[in-house]
């Protein structure tokens, strides 16, 4: 429900974008951790 987050957080669009893209950064970090491991 991306629309809900963008609407509910329309006064803080950078927060909305951080929440909506959080999984991408998190998963890239996990990939890097596994390589380092």
ModelCIF file with pLDDT and N, C-alpha, C, O atoms, coordinates in Angstrom:
data_MODEL
#
_entry.id   MODEL 
#
_entity.id                         1 
_entity.type                       polymer 
_entity.pdbx_number_of_molecules   1 
#
_entity_poly.entity_id                      1 
_entity_poly.type                           'polypeptide(L)' 
_entity_poly.nstd_linkage                   no 
_entity_poly.nstd_monomer                   no 
_entity_poly.pdbx_seq_one_letter_code       
;(UNK)(UNK)(UNK)(UNK)(UNK)(UNK)(UNK)(UNK)(UNK)(UNK)(UNK)(UNK)(UNK)(UNK)(UNK)(UNK)
(UNK)(UNK)(UNK)(UNK)(UNK)(UNK)(UNK)(UNK)(UNK)(UNK)(UNK)(UNK)(UNK)(UNK)(UNK)(UNK)
(UNK)(UNK)(UNK)(UNK)(UNK)
;
_entity_poly.pdbx_seq_one_letter_code_can   XXXXXXXXXXXXXXXXXXXXXXXXXXXXXXXXXXXXX 
_entity_poly.pdbx_strand_id                 A 
#
loop_
_entity_poly_seq.entity_id 
_entity_poly_seq.num 
_entity_poly_seq.mon_id 
_entity_poly_seq.hetero 
1 1  UNK n 
1 2  UNK n 
1 3  UNK n 
1 4  UNK n 
1 5  UNK n 
1 6  UNK n 
1 7  UNK n 
1 8  UNK n 
1 9  UNK n 
1 10 UNK n 
1 11 UNK n 
1 12 UNK n 
1 13 UNK n 
1 14 UNK n 
1 15 UNK n 
1 16 UNK n 
1 17 UNK n 
1 18 UNK n 
1 19 UNK n 
1 20 UNK n 
1 21 UNK n 
1 22 UNK n 
1 23 UNK n 
1 24 UNK n 
1 25 UNK n 
1 26 UNK n 
1 27 UNK n 
1 28 UNK n 
1 29 UNK n 
1 30 UNK n 
1 31 UNK n 
1 32 UNK n 
1 33 UNK n 
1 34 UNK n 
1 35 UNK n 
1 36 UNK n 
1 37 UNK n 
#
_struct_asym.id          A 
_struct_asym.entity_id   1 
#
loop_
_ma_qa_metric.id 
_ma_qa_metric.mode 
_ma_qa_metric.name 
_ma_qa_metric.software_group_id 
_ma_qa_metric.type 
1 global pLDDT . pLDDT 
2 local  pLDDT . pLDDT 
#
_ma_qa_metric_global.metric_id      1 
_ma_qa_metric_global.metric_value   91.16 
_ma_qa_metric_global.model_id       1 
_ma_qa_metric_global.ordinal_id     1 
#
loop_
_ma_qa_metric_local.label_asym_id 
_ma_qa_metric_local.label_comp_id 
_ma_qa_metric_local.label_seq_id 
_ma_qa_metric_local.metric_id 
_ma_qa_metric_local.metric_value 
_ma_qa_metric_local.model_id 
_ma_qa_metric_local.ordinal_id 
A UNK 1  2 85.00 1 1  
A UNK 2  2 88.00 1 2  
A UNK 3  2 88.00 1 3  
A UNK 4  2 88.00 1 4  
A UNK 5  2 82.00 1 5  
A UNK 6  2 88.00 1 6  
A UNK 7  2 90.00 1 7  
A UNK 8  2 89.00 1 8  
A UNK 9  2 89.00 1 9  
A UNK 10 2 91.00 1 10 
A UNK 11 2 90.00 1 11 
A UNK 12 2 88.00 1 12 
A UNK 13 2 89.00 1 13 
A UNK 14 2 88.00 1 14 
A UNK 15 2 88.00 1 15 
A UNK 16 2 89.00 1 16 
A UNK 17 2 90.00 1 17 
A UNK 18 2 89.00 1 18 
A UNK 19 2 89.00 1 19 
A UNK 20 2 91.00 1 20 
A UNK 21 2 91.00 1 21 
A UNK 22 2 91.00 1 22 
A UNK 23 2 93.00 1 23 
A UNK 24 2 94.00 1 24 
A UNK 25 2 93.00 1 25 
A UNK 26 2 94.00 1 26 
A UNK 27 2 96.00 1 27 
A UNK 28 2 95.00 1 28 
A UNK 29 2 95.00 1 29 
A UNK 30 2 97.00 1 30 
A UNK 31 2 97.00 1 31 
A UNK 32 2 95.00 1 32 
A UNK 33 2 95.00 1 33 
A UNK 34 2 96.00 1 34 
A UNK 35 2 95.00 1 35 
A UNK 36 2 93.00 1 36 
A UNK 37 2 94.00 1 37 
#
loop_
_atom_site.group_PDB 
_atom_site.id 
_atom_site.type_symbol 
_atom_site.label_atom_id 
_atom_site.label_alt_id 
_atom_site.label_comp_id 
_atom_site.label_asym_id 
_atom_site.label_entity_id 
_atom_site.label_seq_id 
_atom_site.pdbx_PDB_ins_code 
_atom_site.Cartn_x 
_atom_site.Cartn_y 
_atom_site.Cartn_z 
_atom_site.occupancy 
_atom_site.B_iso_or_equiv 
_atom_site.pdbx_formal_charge 
_atom_site.auth_seq_id 
_atom_site.auth_comp_id 
_atom_site.auth_asym_id 
_atom_site.auth_atom_id 
_atom_site.pdbx_PDB_model_num 
ATOM 1   N N  . UNK A 1 1  ? 0.814  -1.215  0.000  1.00 85.00 ? 1  UNK A N  1 
ATOM 2   C CA . UNK A 1 1  ? 0.000  0.000   0.000  1.00 85.00 ? 1  UNK A CA 1 
ATOM 3   C C  . UNK A 1 1  ? 0.855  1.276   0.000  1.00 85.00 ? 1  UNK A C  1 
ATOM 4   O O  . UNK A 1 1  ? 0.781  2.092   0.919  1.00 85.00 ? 1  UNK A O  1 
ATOM 5   N N  . UNK A 1 2  ? 1.655  1.421   -1.038 1.00 88.00 ? 2  UNK A N  1 
ATOM 6   C CA . UNK A 1 2  ? 2.535  2.591   -1.163 1.00 88.00 ? 2  UNK A CA 1 
ATOM 7   C C  . UNK A 1 2  ? 1.746  3.904   -1.154 1.00 88.00 ? 2  UNK A C  1 
ATOM 8   O O  . UNK A 1 2  ? 2.188  4.905   -0.588 1.00 88.00 ? 2  UNK A O  1 
ATOM 9   N N  . UNK A 1 3  ? 0.589  3.881   -1.780 1.00 88.00 ? 3  UNK A N  1 
ATOM 10  C CA . UNK A 1 3  ? -0.216 5.106   -1.838 1.00 88.00 ? 3  UNK A CA 1 
ATOM 11  C C  . UNK A 1 3  ? -0.502 5.603   -0.438 1.00 88.00 ? 3  UNK A C  1 
ATOM 12  O O  . UNK A 1 3  ? -0.396 6.802   -0.181 1.00 88.00 ? 3  UNK A O  1 
ATOM 13  N N  . UNK A 1 4  ? -0.867 4.700   0.488  1.00 88.00 ? 4  UNK A N  1 
ATOM 14  C CA . UNK A 1 4  ? -1.192 5.096   1.854  1.00 88.00 ? 4  UNK A CA 1 
ATOM 15  C C  . UNK A 1 4  ? -0.007 5.807   2.507  1.00 88.00 ? 4  UNK A C  1 
ATOM 16  O O  . UNK A 1 4  ? -0.175 6.867   3.108  1.00 88.00 ? 4  UNK A O  1 
ATOM 17  N N  . UNK A 1 5  ? 1.175  5.236   2.392  1.00 82.00 ? 5  UNK A N  1 
ATOM 18  C CA . UNK A 1 5  ? 2.352  5.857   3.008  1.00 82.00 ? 5  UNK A CA 1 
ATOM 19  C C  . UNK A 1 5  ? 2.642  7.213   2.390  1.00 82.00 ? 5  UNK A C  1 
ATOM 20  O O  . UNK A 1 5  ? 2.931  8.177   3.100  1.00 82.00 ? 5  UNK A O  1 
ATOM 21  N N  . UNK A 1 6  ? 2.565  7.287   1.070  1.00 88.00 ? 6  UNK A N  1 
ATOM 22  C CA . UNK A 1 6  ? 2.832  8.580   0.420  1.00 88.00 ? 6  UNK A CA 1 
ATOM 23  C C  . UNK A 1 6  ? 1.806  9.627   0.836  1.00 88.00 ? 6  UNK A C  1 
ATOM 24  O O  . UNK A 1 6  ? 2.142  10.796  1.023  1.00 88.00 ? 6  UNK A O  1 
ATOM 25  N N  . UNK A 1 7  ? 0.557  9.201   0.978  1.00 90.00 ? 7  UNK A N  1 
ATOM 26  C CA . UNK A 1 7  ? -0.493 10.127  1.385  1.00 90.00 ? 7  UNK A CA 1 
ATOM 27  C C  . UNK A 1 7  ? -0.360 10.496  2.862  1.00 90.00 ? 7  UNK A C  1 
ATOM 28  O O  . UNK A 1 7  ? -0.394 11.673  3.222  1.00 90.00 ? 7  UNK A O  1 
ATOM 29  N N  . UNK A 1 8  ? -0.209 9.496   3.700  1.00 89.00 ? 8  UNK A N  1 
ATOM 30  C CA . UNK A 1 8  ? -0.140 9.739   5.149  1.00 89.00 ? 8  UNK A CA 1 
ATOM 31  C C  . UNK A 1 8  ? 1.096  10.557  5.523  1.00 89.00 ? 8  UNK A C  1 
ATOM 32  O O  . UNK A 1 8  ? 1.075  11.311  6.496  1.00 89.00 ? 8  UNK A O  1 
ATOM 33  N N  . UNK A 1 9  ? 2.150  10.408  4.763  1.00 89.00 ? 9  UNK A N  1 
ATOM 34  C CA . UNK A 1 9  ? 3.404  11.112  5.068  1.00 89.00 ? 9  UNK A CA 1 
ATOM 35  C C  . UNK A 1 9  ? 3.722  12.192  4.030  1.00 89.00 ? 9  UNK A C  1 
ATOM 36  O O  . UNK A 1 9  ? 4.888  12.496  3.775  1.00 89.00 ? 9  UNK A O  1 
ATOM 37  N N  . UNK A 1 10 ? 2.681  12.760  3.441  1.00 91.00 ? 10 UNK A N  1 
ATOM 38  C CA . UNK A 1 10 ? 2.900  13.743  2.379  1.00 91.00 ? 10 UNK A CA 1 
ATOM 39  C C  . UNK A 1 10 ? 3.643  14.984  2.854  1.00 91.00 ? 10 UNK A C  1 
ATOM 40  O O  . UNK A 1 10 ? 4.281  15.668  2.054  1.00 91.00 ? 10 UNK A O  1 
ATOM 41  N N  . UNK A 1 11 ? 3.566  15.282  4.155  1.00 90.00 ? 11 UNK A N  1 
ATOM 42  C CA . UNK A 1 11 ? 4.298  16.441  4.681  1.00 90.00 ? 11 UNK A CA 1 
ATOM 43  C C  . UNK A 1 11 ? 5.763  16.113  4.950  1.00 90.00 ? 11 UNK A C  1 
ATOM 44  O O  . UNK A 1 11 ? 6.582  17.006  5.165  1.00 90.00 ? 11 UNK A O  1 
ATOM 45  N N  . UNK A 1 12 ? 6.079  14.831  4.934  1.00 88.00 ? 12 UNK A N  1 
ATOM 46  C CA . UNK A 1 12 ? 7.464  14.388  5.126  1.00 88.00 ? 12 UNK A CA 1 
ATOM 47  C C  . UNK A 1 12 ? 7.802  13.370  4.030  1.00 88.00 ? 12 UNK A C  1 
ATOM 48  O O  . UNK A 1 12 ? 7.959  12.182  4.308  1.00 88.00 ? 12 UNK A O  1 
ATOM 49  N N  . UNK A 1 13 ? 7.911  13.842  2.790  1.00 89.00 ? 13 UNK A N  1 
ATOM 50  C CA . UNK A 1 13 ? 8.116  12.920  1.666  1.00 89.00 ? 13 UNK A CA 1 
ATOM 51  C C  . UNK A 1 13 ? 9.425  12.134  1.746  1.00 89.00 ? 13 UNK A C  1 
ATOM 52  O O  . UNK A 1 13 ? 9.500  11.012  1.245  1.00 89.00 ? 13 UNK A O  1 
ATOM 53  N N  . UNK A 1 14 ? 10.448 12.704  2.363  1.00 88.00 ? 14 UNK A N  1 
ATOM 54  C CA . UNK A 1 14 ? 11.715 11.962  2.488  1.00 88.00 ? 14 UNK A CA 1 
ATOM 55  C C  . UNK A 1 14 ? 11.554 10.780  3.448  1.00 88.00 ? 14 UNK A C  1 
ATOM 56  O O  . UNK A 1 14 ? 12.168 9.731   3.253  1.00 88.00 ? 14 UNK A O  1 
ATOM 57  N N  . UNK A 1 15 ? 10.736 10.949  4.474  1.00 88.00 ? 15 UNK A N  1 
ATOM 58  C CA . UNK A 1 15 ? 10.452 9.843   5.382  1.00 88.00 ? 15 UNK A CA 1 
ATOM 59  C C  . UNK A 1 15 ? 9.672  8.755   4.643  1.00 88.00 ? 15 UNK A C  1 
ATOM 60  O O  . UNK A 1 15 ? 9.976  7.569   4.765  1.00 88.00 ? 15 UNK A O  1 
ATOM 61  N N  . UNK A 1 16 ? 8.669  9.173   3.879  1.00 89.00 ? 16 UNK A N  1 
ATOM 62  C CA . UNK A 1 16 ? 7.882  8.203   3.106  1.00 89.00 ? 16 UNK A CA 1 
ATOM 63  C C  . UNK A 1 16 ? 8.791  7.419   2.169  1.00 89.00 ? 16 UNK A C  1 
ATOM 64  O O  . UNK A 1 16 ? 8.693  6.195   2.089  1.00 89.00 ? 16 UNK A O  1 
ATOM 65  N N  . UNK A 1 17 ? 9.670  8.112   1.464  1.00 90.00 ? 17 UNK A N  1 
ATOM 66  C CA . UNK A 1 17 ? 10.573 7.439   0.537  1.00 90.00 ? 17 UNK A CA 1 
ATOM 67  C C  . UNK A 1 17 ? 11.535 6.510   1.270  1.00 90.00 ? 17 UNK A C  1 
ATOM 68  O O  . UNK A 1 17 ? 11.822 5.416   0.787  1.00 90.00 ? 17 UNK A O  1 
ATOM 69  N N  . UNK A 1 18 ? 12.033 6.930   2.425  1.00 89.00 ? 18 UNK A N  1 
ATOM 70  C CA . UNK A 1 18 ? 12.930 6.072   3.215  1.00 89.00 ? 18 UNK A CA 1 
ATOM 71  C C  . UNK A 1 18 ? 12.214 4.786   3.625  1.00 89.00 ? 18 UNK A C  1 
ATOM 72  O O  . UNK A 1 18 ? 12.787 3.700   3.544  1.00 89.00 ? 18 UNK A O  1 
ATOM 73  N N  . UNK A 1 19 ? 10.972 4.910   4.062  1.00 89.00 ? 19 UNK A N  1 
ATOM 74  C CA . UNK A 1 19 ? 10.211 3.722   4.468  1.00 89.00 ? 19 UNK A CA 1 
ATOM 75  C C  . UNK A 1 19 ? 9.904  2.809   3.276  1.00 89.00 ? 19 UNK A C  1 
ATOM 76  O O  . UNK A 1 19 ? 9.967  1.585   3.384  1.00 89.00 ? 19 UNK A O  1 
ATOM 77  N N  . UNK A 1 20 ? 9.574  3.424   2.148  1.00 91.00 ? 20 UNK A N  1 
ATOM 78  C CA . UNK A 1 20 ? 9.205  2.637   0.975  1.00 91.00 ? 20 UNK A CA 1 
ATOM 79  C C  . UNK A 1 20 ? 10.402 1.952   0.319  1.00 91.00 ? 20 UNK A C  1 
ATOM 80  O O  . UNK A 1 20 ? 10.242 0.932   -0.351 1.00 91.00 ? 20 UNK A O  1 
ATOM 81  N N  . UNK A 1 21 ? 11.586 2.500   0.505  1.00 91.00 ? 21 UNK A N  1 
ATOM 82  C CA . UNK A 1 21 ? 12.776 1.883   -0.097 1.00 91.00 ? 21 UNK A CA 1 
ATOM 83  C C  . UNK A 1 21 ? 13.645 1.159   0.932  1.00 91.00 ? 21 UNK A C  1 
ATOM 84  O O  . UNK A 1 21 ? 14.710 0.638   0.599  1.00 91.00 ? 21 UNK A O  1 
ATOM 85  N N  . UNK A 1 22 ? 13.190 1.132   2.163  1.00 91.00 ? 22 UNK A N  1 
ATOM 86  C CA . UNK A 1 22 ? 13.972 0.527   3.242  1.00 91.00 ? 22 UNK A CA 1 
ATOM 87  C C  . UNK A 1 22 ? 14.372 -0.910  2.936  1.00 91.00 ? 22 UNK A C  1 
ATOM 88  O O  . UNK A 1 22 ? 15.503 -1.309  3.215  1.00 91.00 ? 22 UNK A O  1 
ATOM 89  N N  . UNK A 1 23 ? 13.466 -1.687  2.369  1.00 93.00 ? 23 UNK A N  1 
ATOM 90  C CA . UNK A 1 23 ? 13.761 -3.088  2.068  1.00 93.00 ? 23 UNK A CA 1 
ATOM 91  C C  . UNK A 1 23 ? 14.922 -3.231  1.083  1.00 93.00 ? 23 UNK A C  1 
ATOM 92  O O  . UNK A 1 23 ? 15.699 -4.181  1.177  1.00 93.00 ? 23 UNK A O  1 
ATOM 93  N N  . UNK A 1 24 ? 15.043 -2.304  0.148  1.00 94.00 ? 24 UNK A N  1 
ATOM 94  C CA . UNK A 1 24 ? 16.121 -2.389  -0.848 1.00 94.00 ? 24 UNK A CA 1 
ATOM 95  C C  . UNK A 1 24 ? 17.487 -2.211  -0.184 1.00 94.00 ? 24 UNK A C  1 
ATOM 96  O O  . UNK A 1 24 ? 18.409 -2.991  -0.423 1.00 94.00 ? 24 UNK A O  1 
ATOM 97  N N  . UNK A 1 25 ? 17.605 -1.183  0.648  1.00 93.00 ? 25 UNK A N  1 
ATOM 98  C CA . UNK A 1 25 ? 18.868 -0.932  1.352  1.00 93.00 ? 25 UNK A CA 1 
ATOM 99  C C  . UNK A 1 25 ? 19.177 -2.088  2.301  1.00 93.00 ? 25 UNK A C  1 
ATOM 100 O O  . UNK A 1 25 ? 20.315 -2.554  2.365  1.00 93.00 ? 25 UNK A O  1 
ATOM 101 N N  . UNK A 1 26 ? 18.179 -2.544  3.027  1.00 94.00 ? 26 UNK A N  1 
ATOM 102 C CA . UNK A 1 26 ? 18.343 -3.643  3.982  1.00 94.00 ? 26 UNK A CA 1 
ATOM 103 C C  . UNK A 1 26 ? 18.836 -4.896  3.269  1.00 94.00 ? 26 UNK A C  1 
ATOM 104 O O  . UNK A 1 26 ? 19.774 -5.545  3.732  1.00 94.00 ? 26 UNK A O  1 
ATOM 105 N N  . UNK A 1 27 ? 18.213 -5.236  2.151  1.00 96.00 ? 27 UNK A N  1 
ATOM 106 C CA . UNK A 1 27 ? 18.591 -6.446  1.425  1.00 96.00 ? 27 UNK A CA 1 
ATOM 107 C C  . UNK A 1 27 ? 19.974 -6.330  0.793  1.00 96.00 ? 27 UNK A C  1 
ATOM 108 O O  . UNK A 1 27 ? 20.714 -7.312  0.753  1.00 96.00 ? 27 UNK A O  1 
ATOM 109 N N  . UNK A 1 28 ? 20.333 -5.149  0.300  1.00 95.00 ? 28 UNK A N  1 
ATOM 110 C CA . UNK A 1 28 ? 21.695 -4.944  -0.233 1.00 95.00 ? 28 UNK A CA 1 
ATOM 111 C C  . UNK A 1 28 ? 22.726 -5.121  0.881  1.00 95.00 ? 28 UNK A C  1 
ATOM 112 O O  . UNK A 1 28 ? 23.794 -5.697  0.671  1.00 95.00 ? 28 UNK A O  1 
ATOM 113 N N  . UNK A 1 29 ? 22.387 -4.616  2.065  1.00 95.00 ? 29 UNK A N  1 
ATOM 114 C CA . UNK A 1 29 ? 23.291 -4.758  3.209  1.00 95.00 ? 29 UNK A CA 1 
ATOM 115 C C  . UNK A 1 29 ? 23.459 -6.229  3.570  1.00 95.00 ? 29 UNK A C  1 
ATOM 116 O O  . UNK A 1 29 ? 24.573 -6.670  3.855  1.00 95.00 ? 29 UNK A O  1 
ATOM 117 N N  . UNK A 1 30 ? 22.378 -6.989  3.561  1.00 97.00 ? 30 UNK A N  1 
ATOM 118 C CA . UNK A 1 30 ? 22.474 -8.426  3.841  1.00 97.00 ? 30 UNK A CA 1 
ATOM 119 C C  . UNK A 1 30 ? 23.330 -9.134  2.801  1.00 97.00 ? 30 UNK A C  1 
ATOM 120 O O  . UNK A 1 30 ? 24.107 -10.026 3.144  1.00 97.00 ? 30 UNK A O  1 
ATOM 121 N N  . UNK A 1 31 ? 23.200 -8.751  1.540  1.00 97.00 ? 31 UNK A N  1 
ATOM 122 C CA . UNK A 1 31 ? 24.039 -9.337  0.493  1.00 97.00 ? 31 UNK A CA 1 
ATOM 123 C C  . UNK A 1 31 ? 25.516 -9.050  0.776  1.00 97.00 ? 31 UNK A C  1 
ATOM 124 O O  . UNK A 1 31 ? 26.358 -9.940  0.656  1.00 97.00 ? 31 UNK A O  1 
ATOM 125 N N  . UNK A 1 32 ? 25.821 -7.829  1.146  1.00 95.00 ? 32 UNK A N  1 
ATOM 126 C CA . UNK A 1 32 ? 27.203 -7.445  1.461  1.00 95.00 ? 32 UNK A CA 1 
ATOM 127 C C  . UNK A 1 32 ? 27.719 -8.207  2.678  1.00 95.00 ? 32 UNK A C  1 
ATOM 128 O O  . UNK A 1 32 ? 28.867 -8.651  2.692  1.00 95.00 ? 32 UNK A O  1 
ATOM 129 N N  . UNK A 1 33 ? 26.887 -8.358  3.682  1.00 95.00 ? 33 UNK A N  1 
ATOM 130 C CA . UNK A 1 33 ? 27.269 -9.107  4.886  1.00 95.00 ? 33 UNK A CA 1 
ATOM 131 C C  . UNK A 1 33 ? 27.620 -10.542 4.514  1.00 95.00 ? 33 UNK A C  1 
ATOM 132 O O  . UNK A 1 33 ? 28.624 -11.074 4.987  1.00 95.00 ? 33 UNK A O  1 
ATOM 133 N N  . UNK A 1 34 ? 26.811 -11.168 3.679  1.00 96.00 ? 34 UNK A N  1 
ATOM 134 C CA . UNK A 1 34 ? 27.081 -12.552 3.296  1.00 96.00 ? 34 UNK A CA 1 
ATOM 135 C C  . UNK A 1 34 ? 28.384 -12.667 2.513  1.00 96.00 ? 34 UNK A C  1 
ATOM 136 O O  . UNK A 1 34 ? 29.110 -13.649 2.671  1.00 96.00 ? 34 UNK A O  1 
ATOM 137 N N  . UNK A 1 35 ? 28.693 -11.684 1.671  1.00 95.00 ? 35 UNK A N  1 
ATOM 138 C CA . UNK A 1 35 ? 29.973 -11.685 0.937  1.00 95.00 ? 35 UNK A CA 1 
ATOM 139 C C  . UNK A 1 35 ? 31.148 -11.546 1.907  1.00 95.00 ? 35 UNK A C  1 
ATOM 140 O O  . UNK A 1 35 ? 32.141 -12.266 1.800  1.00 95.00 ? 35 UNK A O  1 
ATOM 141 N N  . UNK A 1 36 ? 31.024 -10.612 2.857  1.00 93.00 ? 36 UNK A N  1 
ATOM 142 C CA . UNK A 1 36 ? 32.083 -10.420 3.844  1.00 93.00 ? 36 UNK A CA 1 
ATOM 143 C C  . UNK A 1 36 ? 32.261 -11.664 4.705  1.00 93.00 ? 36 UNK A C  1 
ATOM 144 O O  . UNK A 1 36 ? 33.379 -12.033 5.066  1.00 93.00 ? 36 UNK A O  1 
ATOM 145 N N  . UNK A 1 37 ? 31.156 -12.293 5.022  1.00 94.00 ? 37 UNK A N  1 
ATOM 146 C CA . UNK A 1 37 ? 31.187 -13.511 5.838  1.00 94.00 ? 37 UNK A CA 1 
ATOM 147 C C  . UNK A 1 37 ? 31.919 -14.632 5.097  1.00 94.00 ? 37 UNK A C  1 
ATOM 148 O O  . UNK A 1 37 ? 32.048 -15.738 5.622  1.00 94.00 ? 37 UNK A O  1 
#
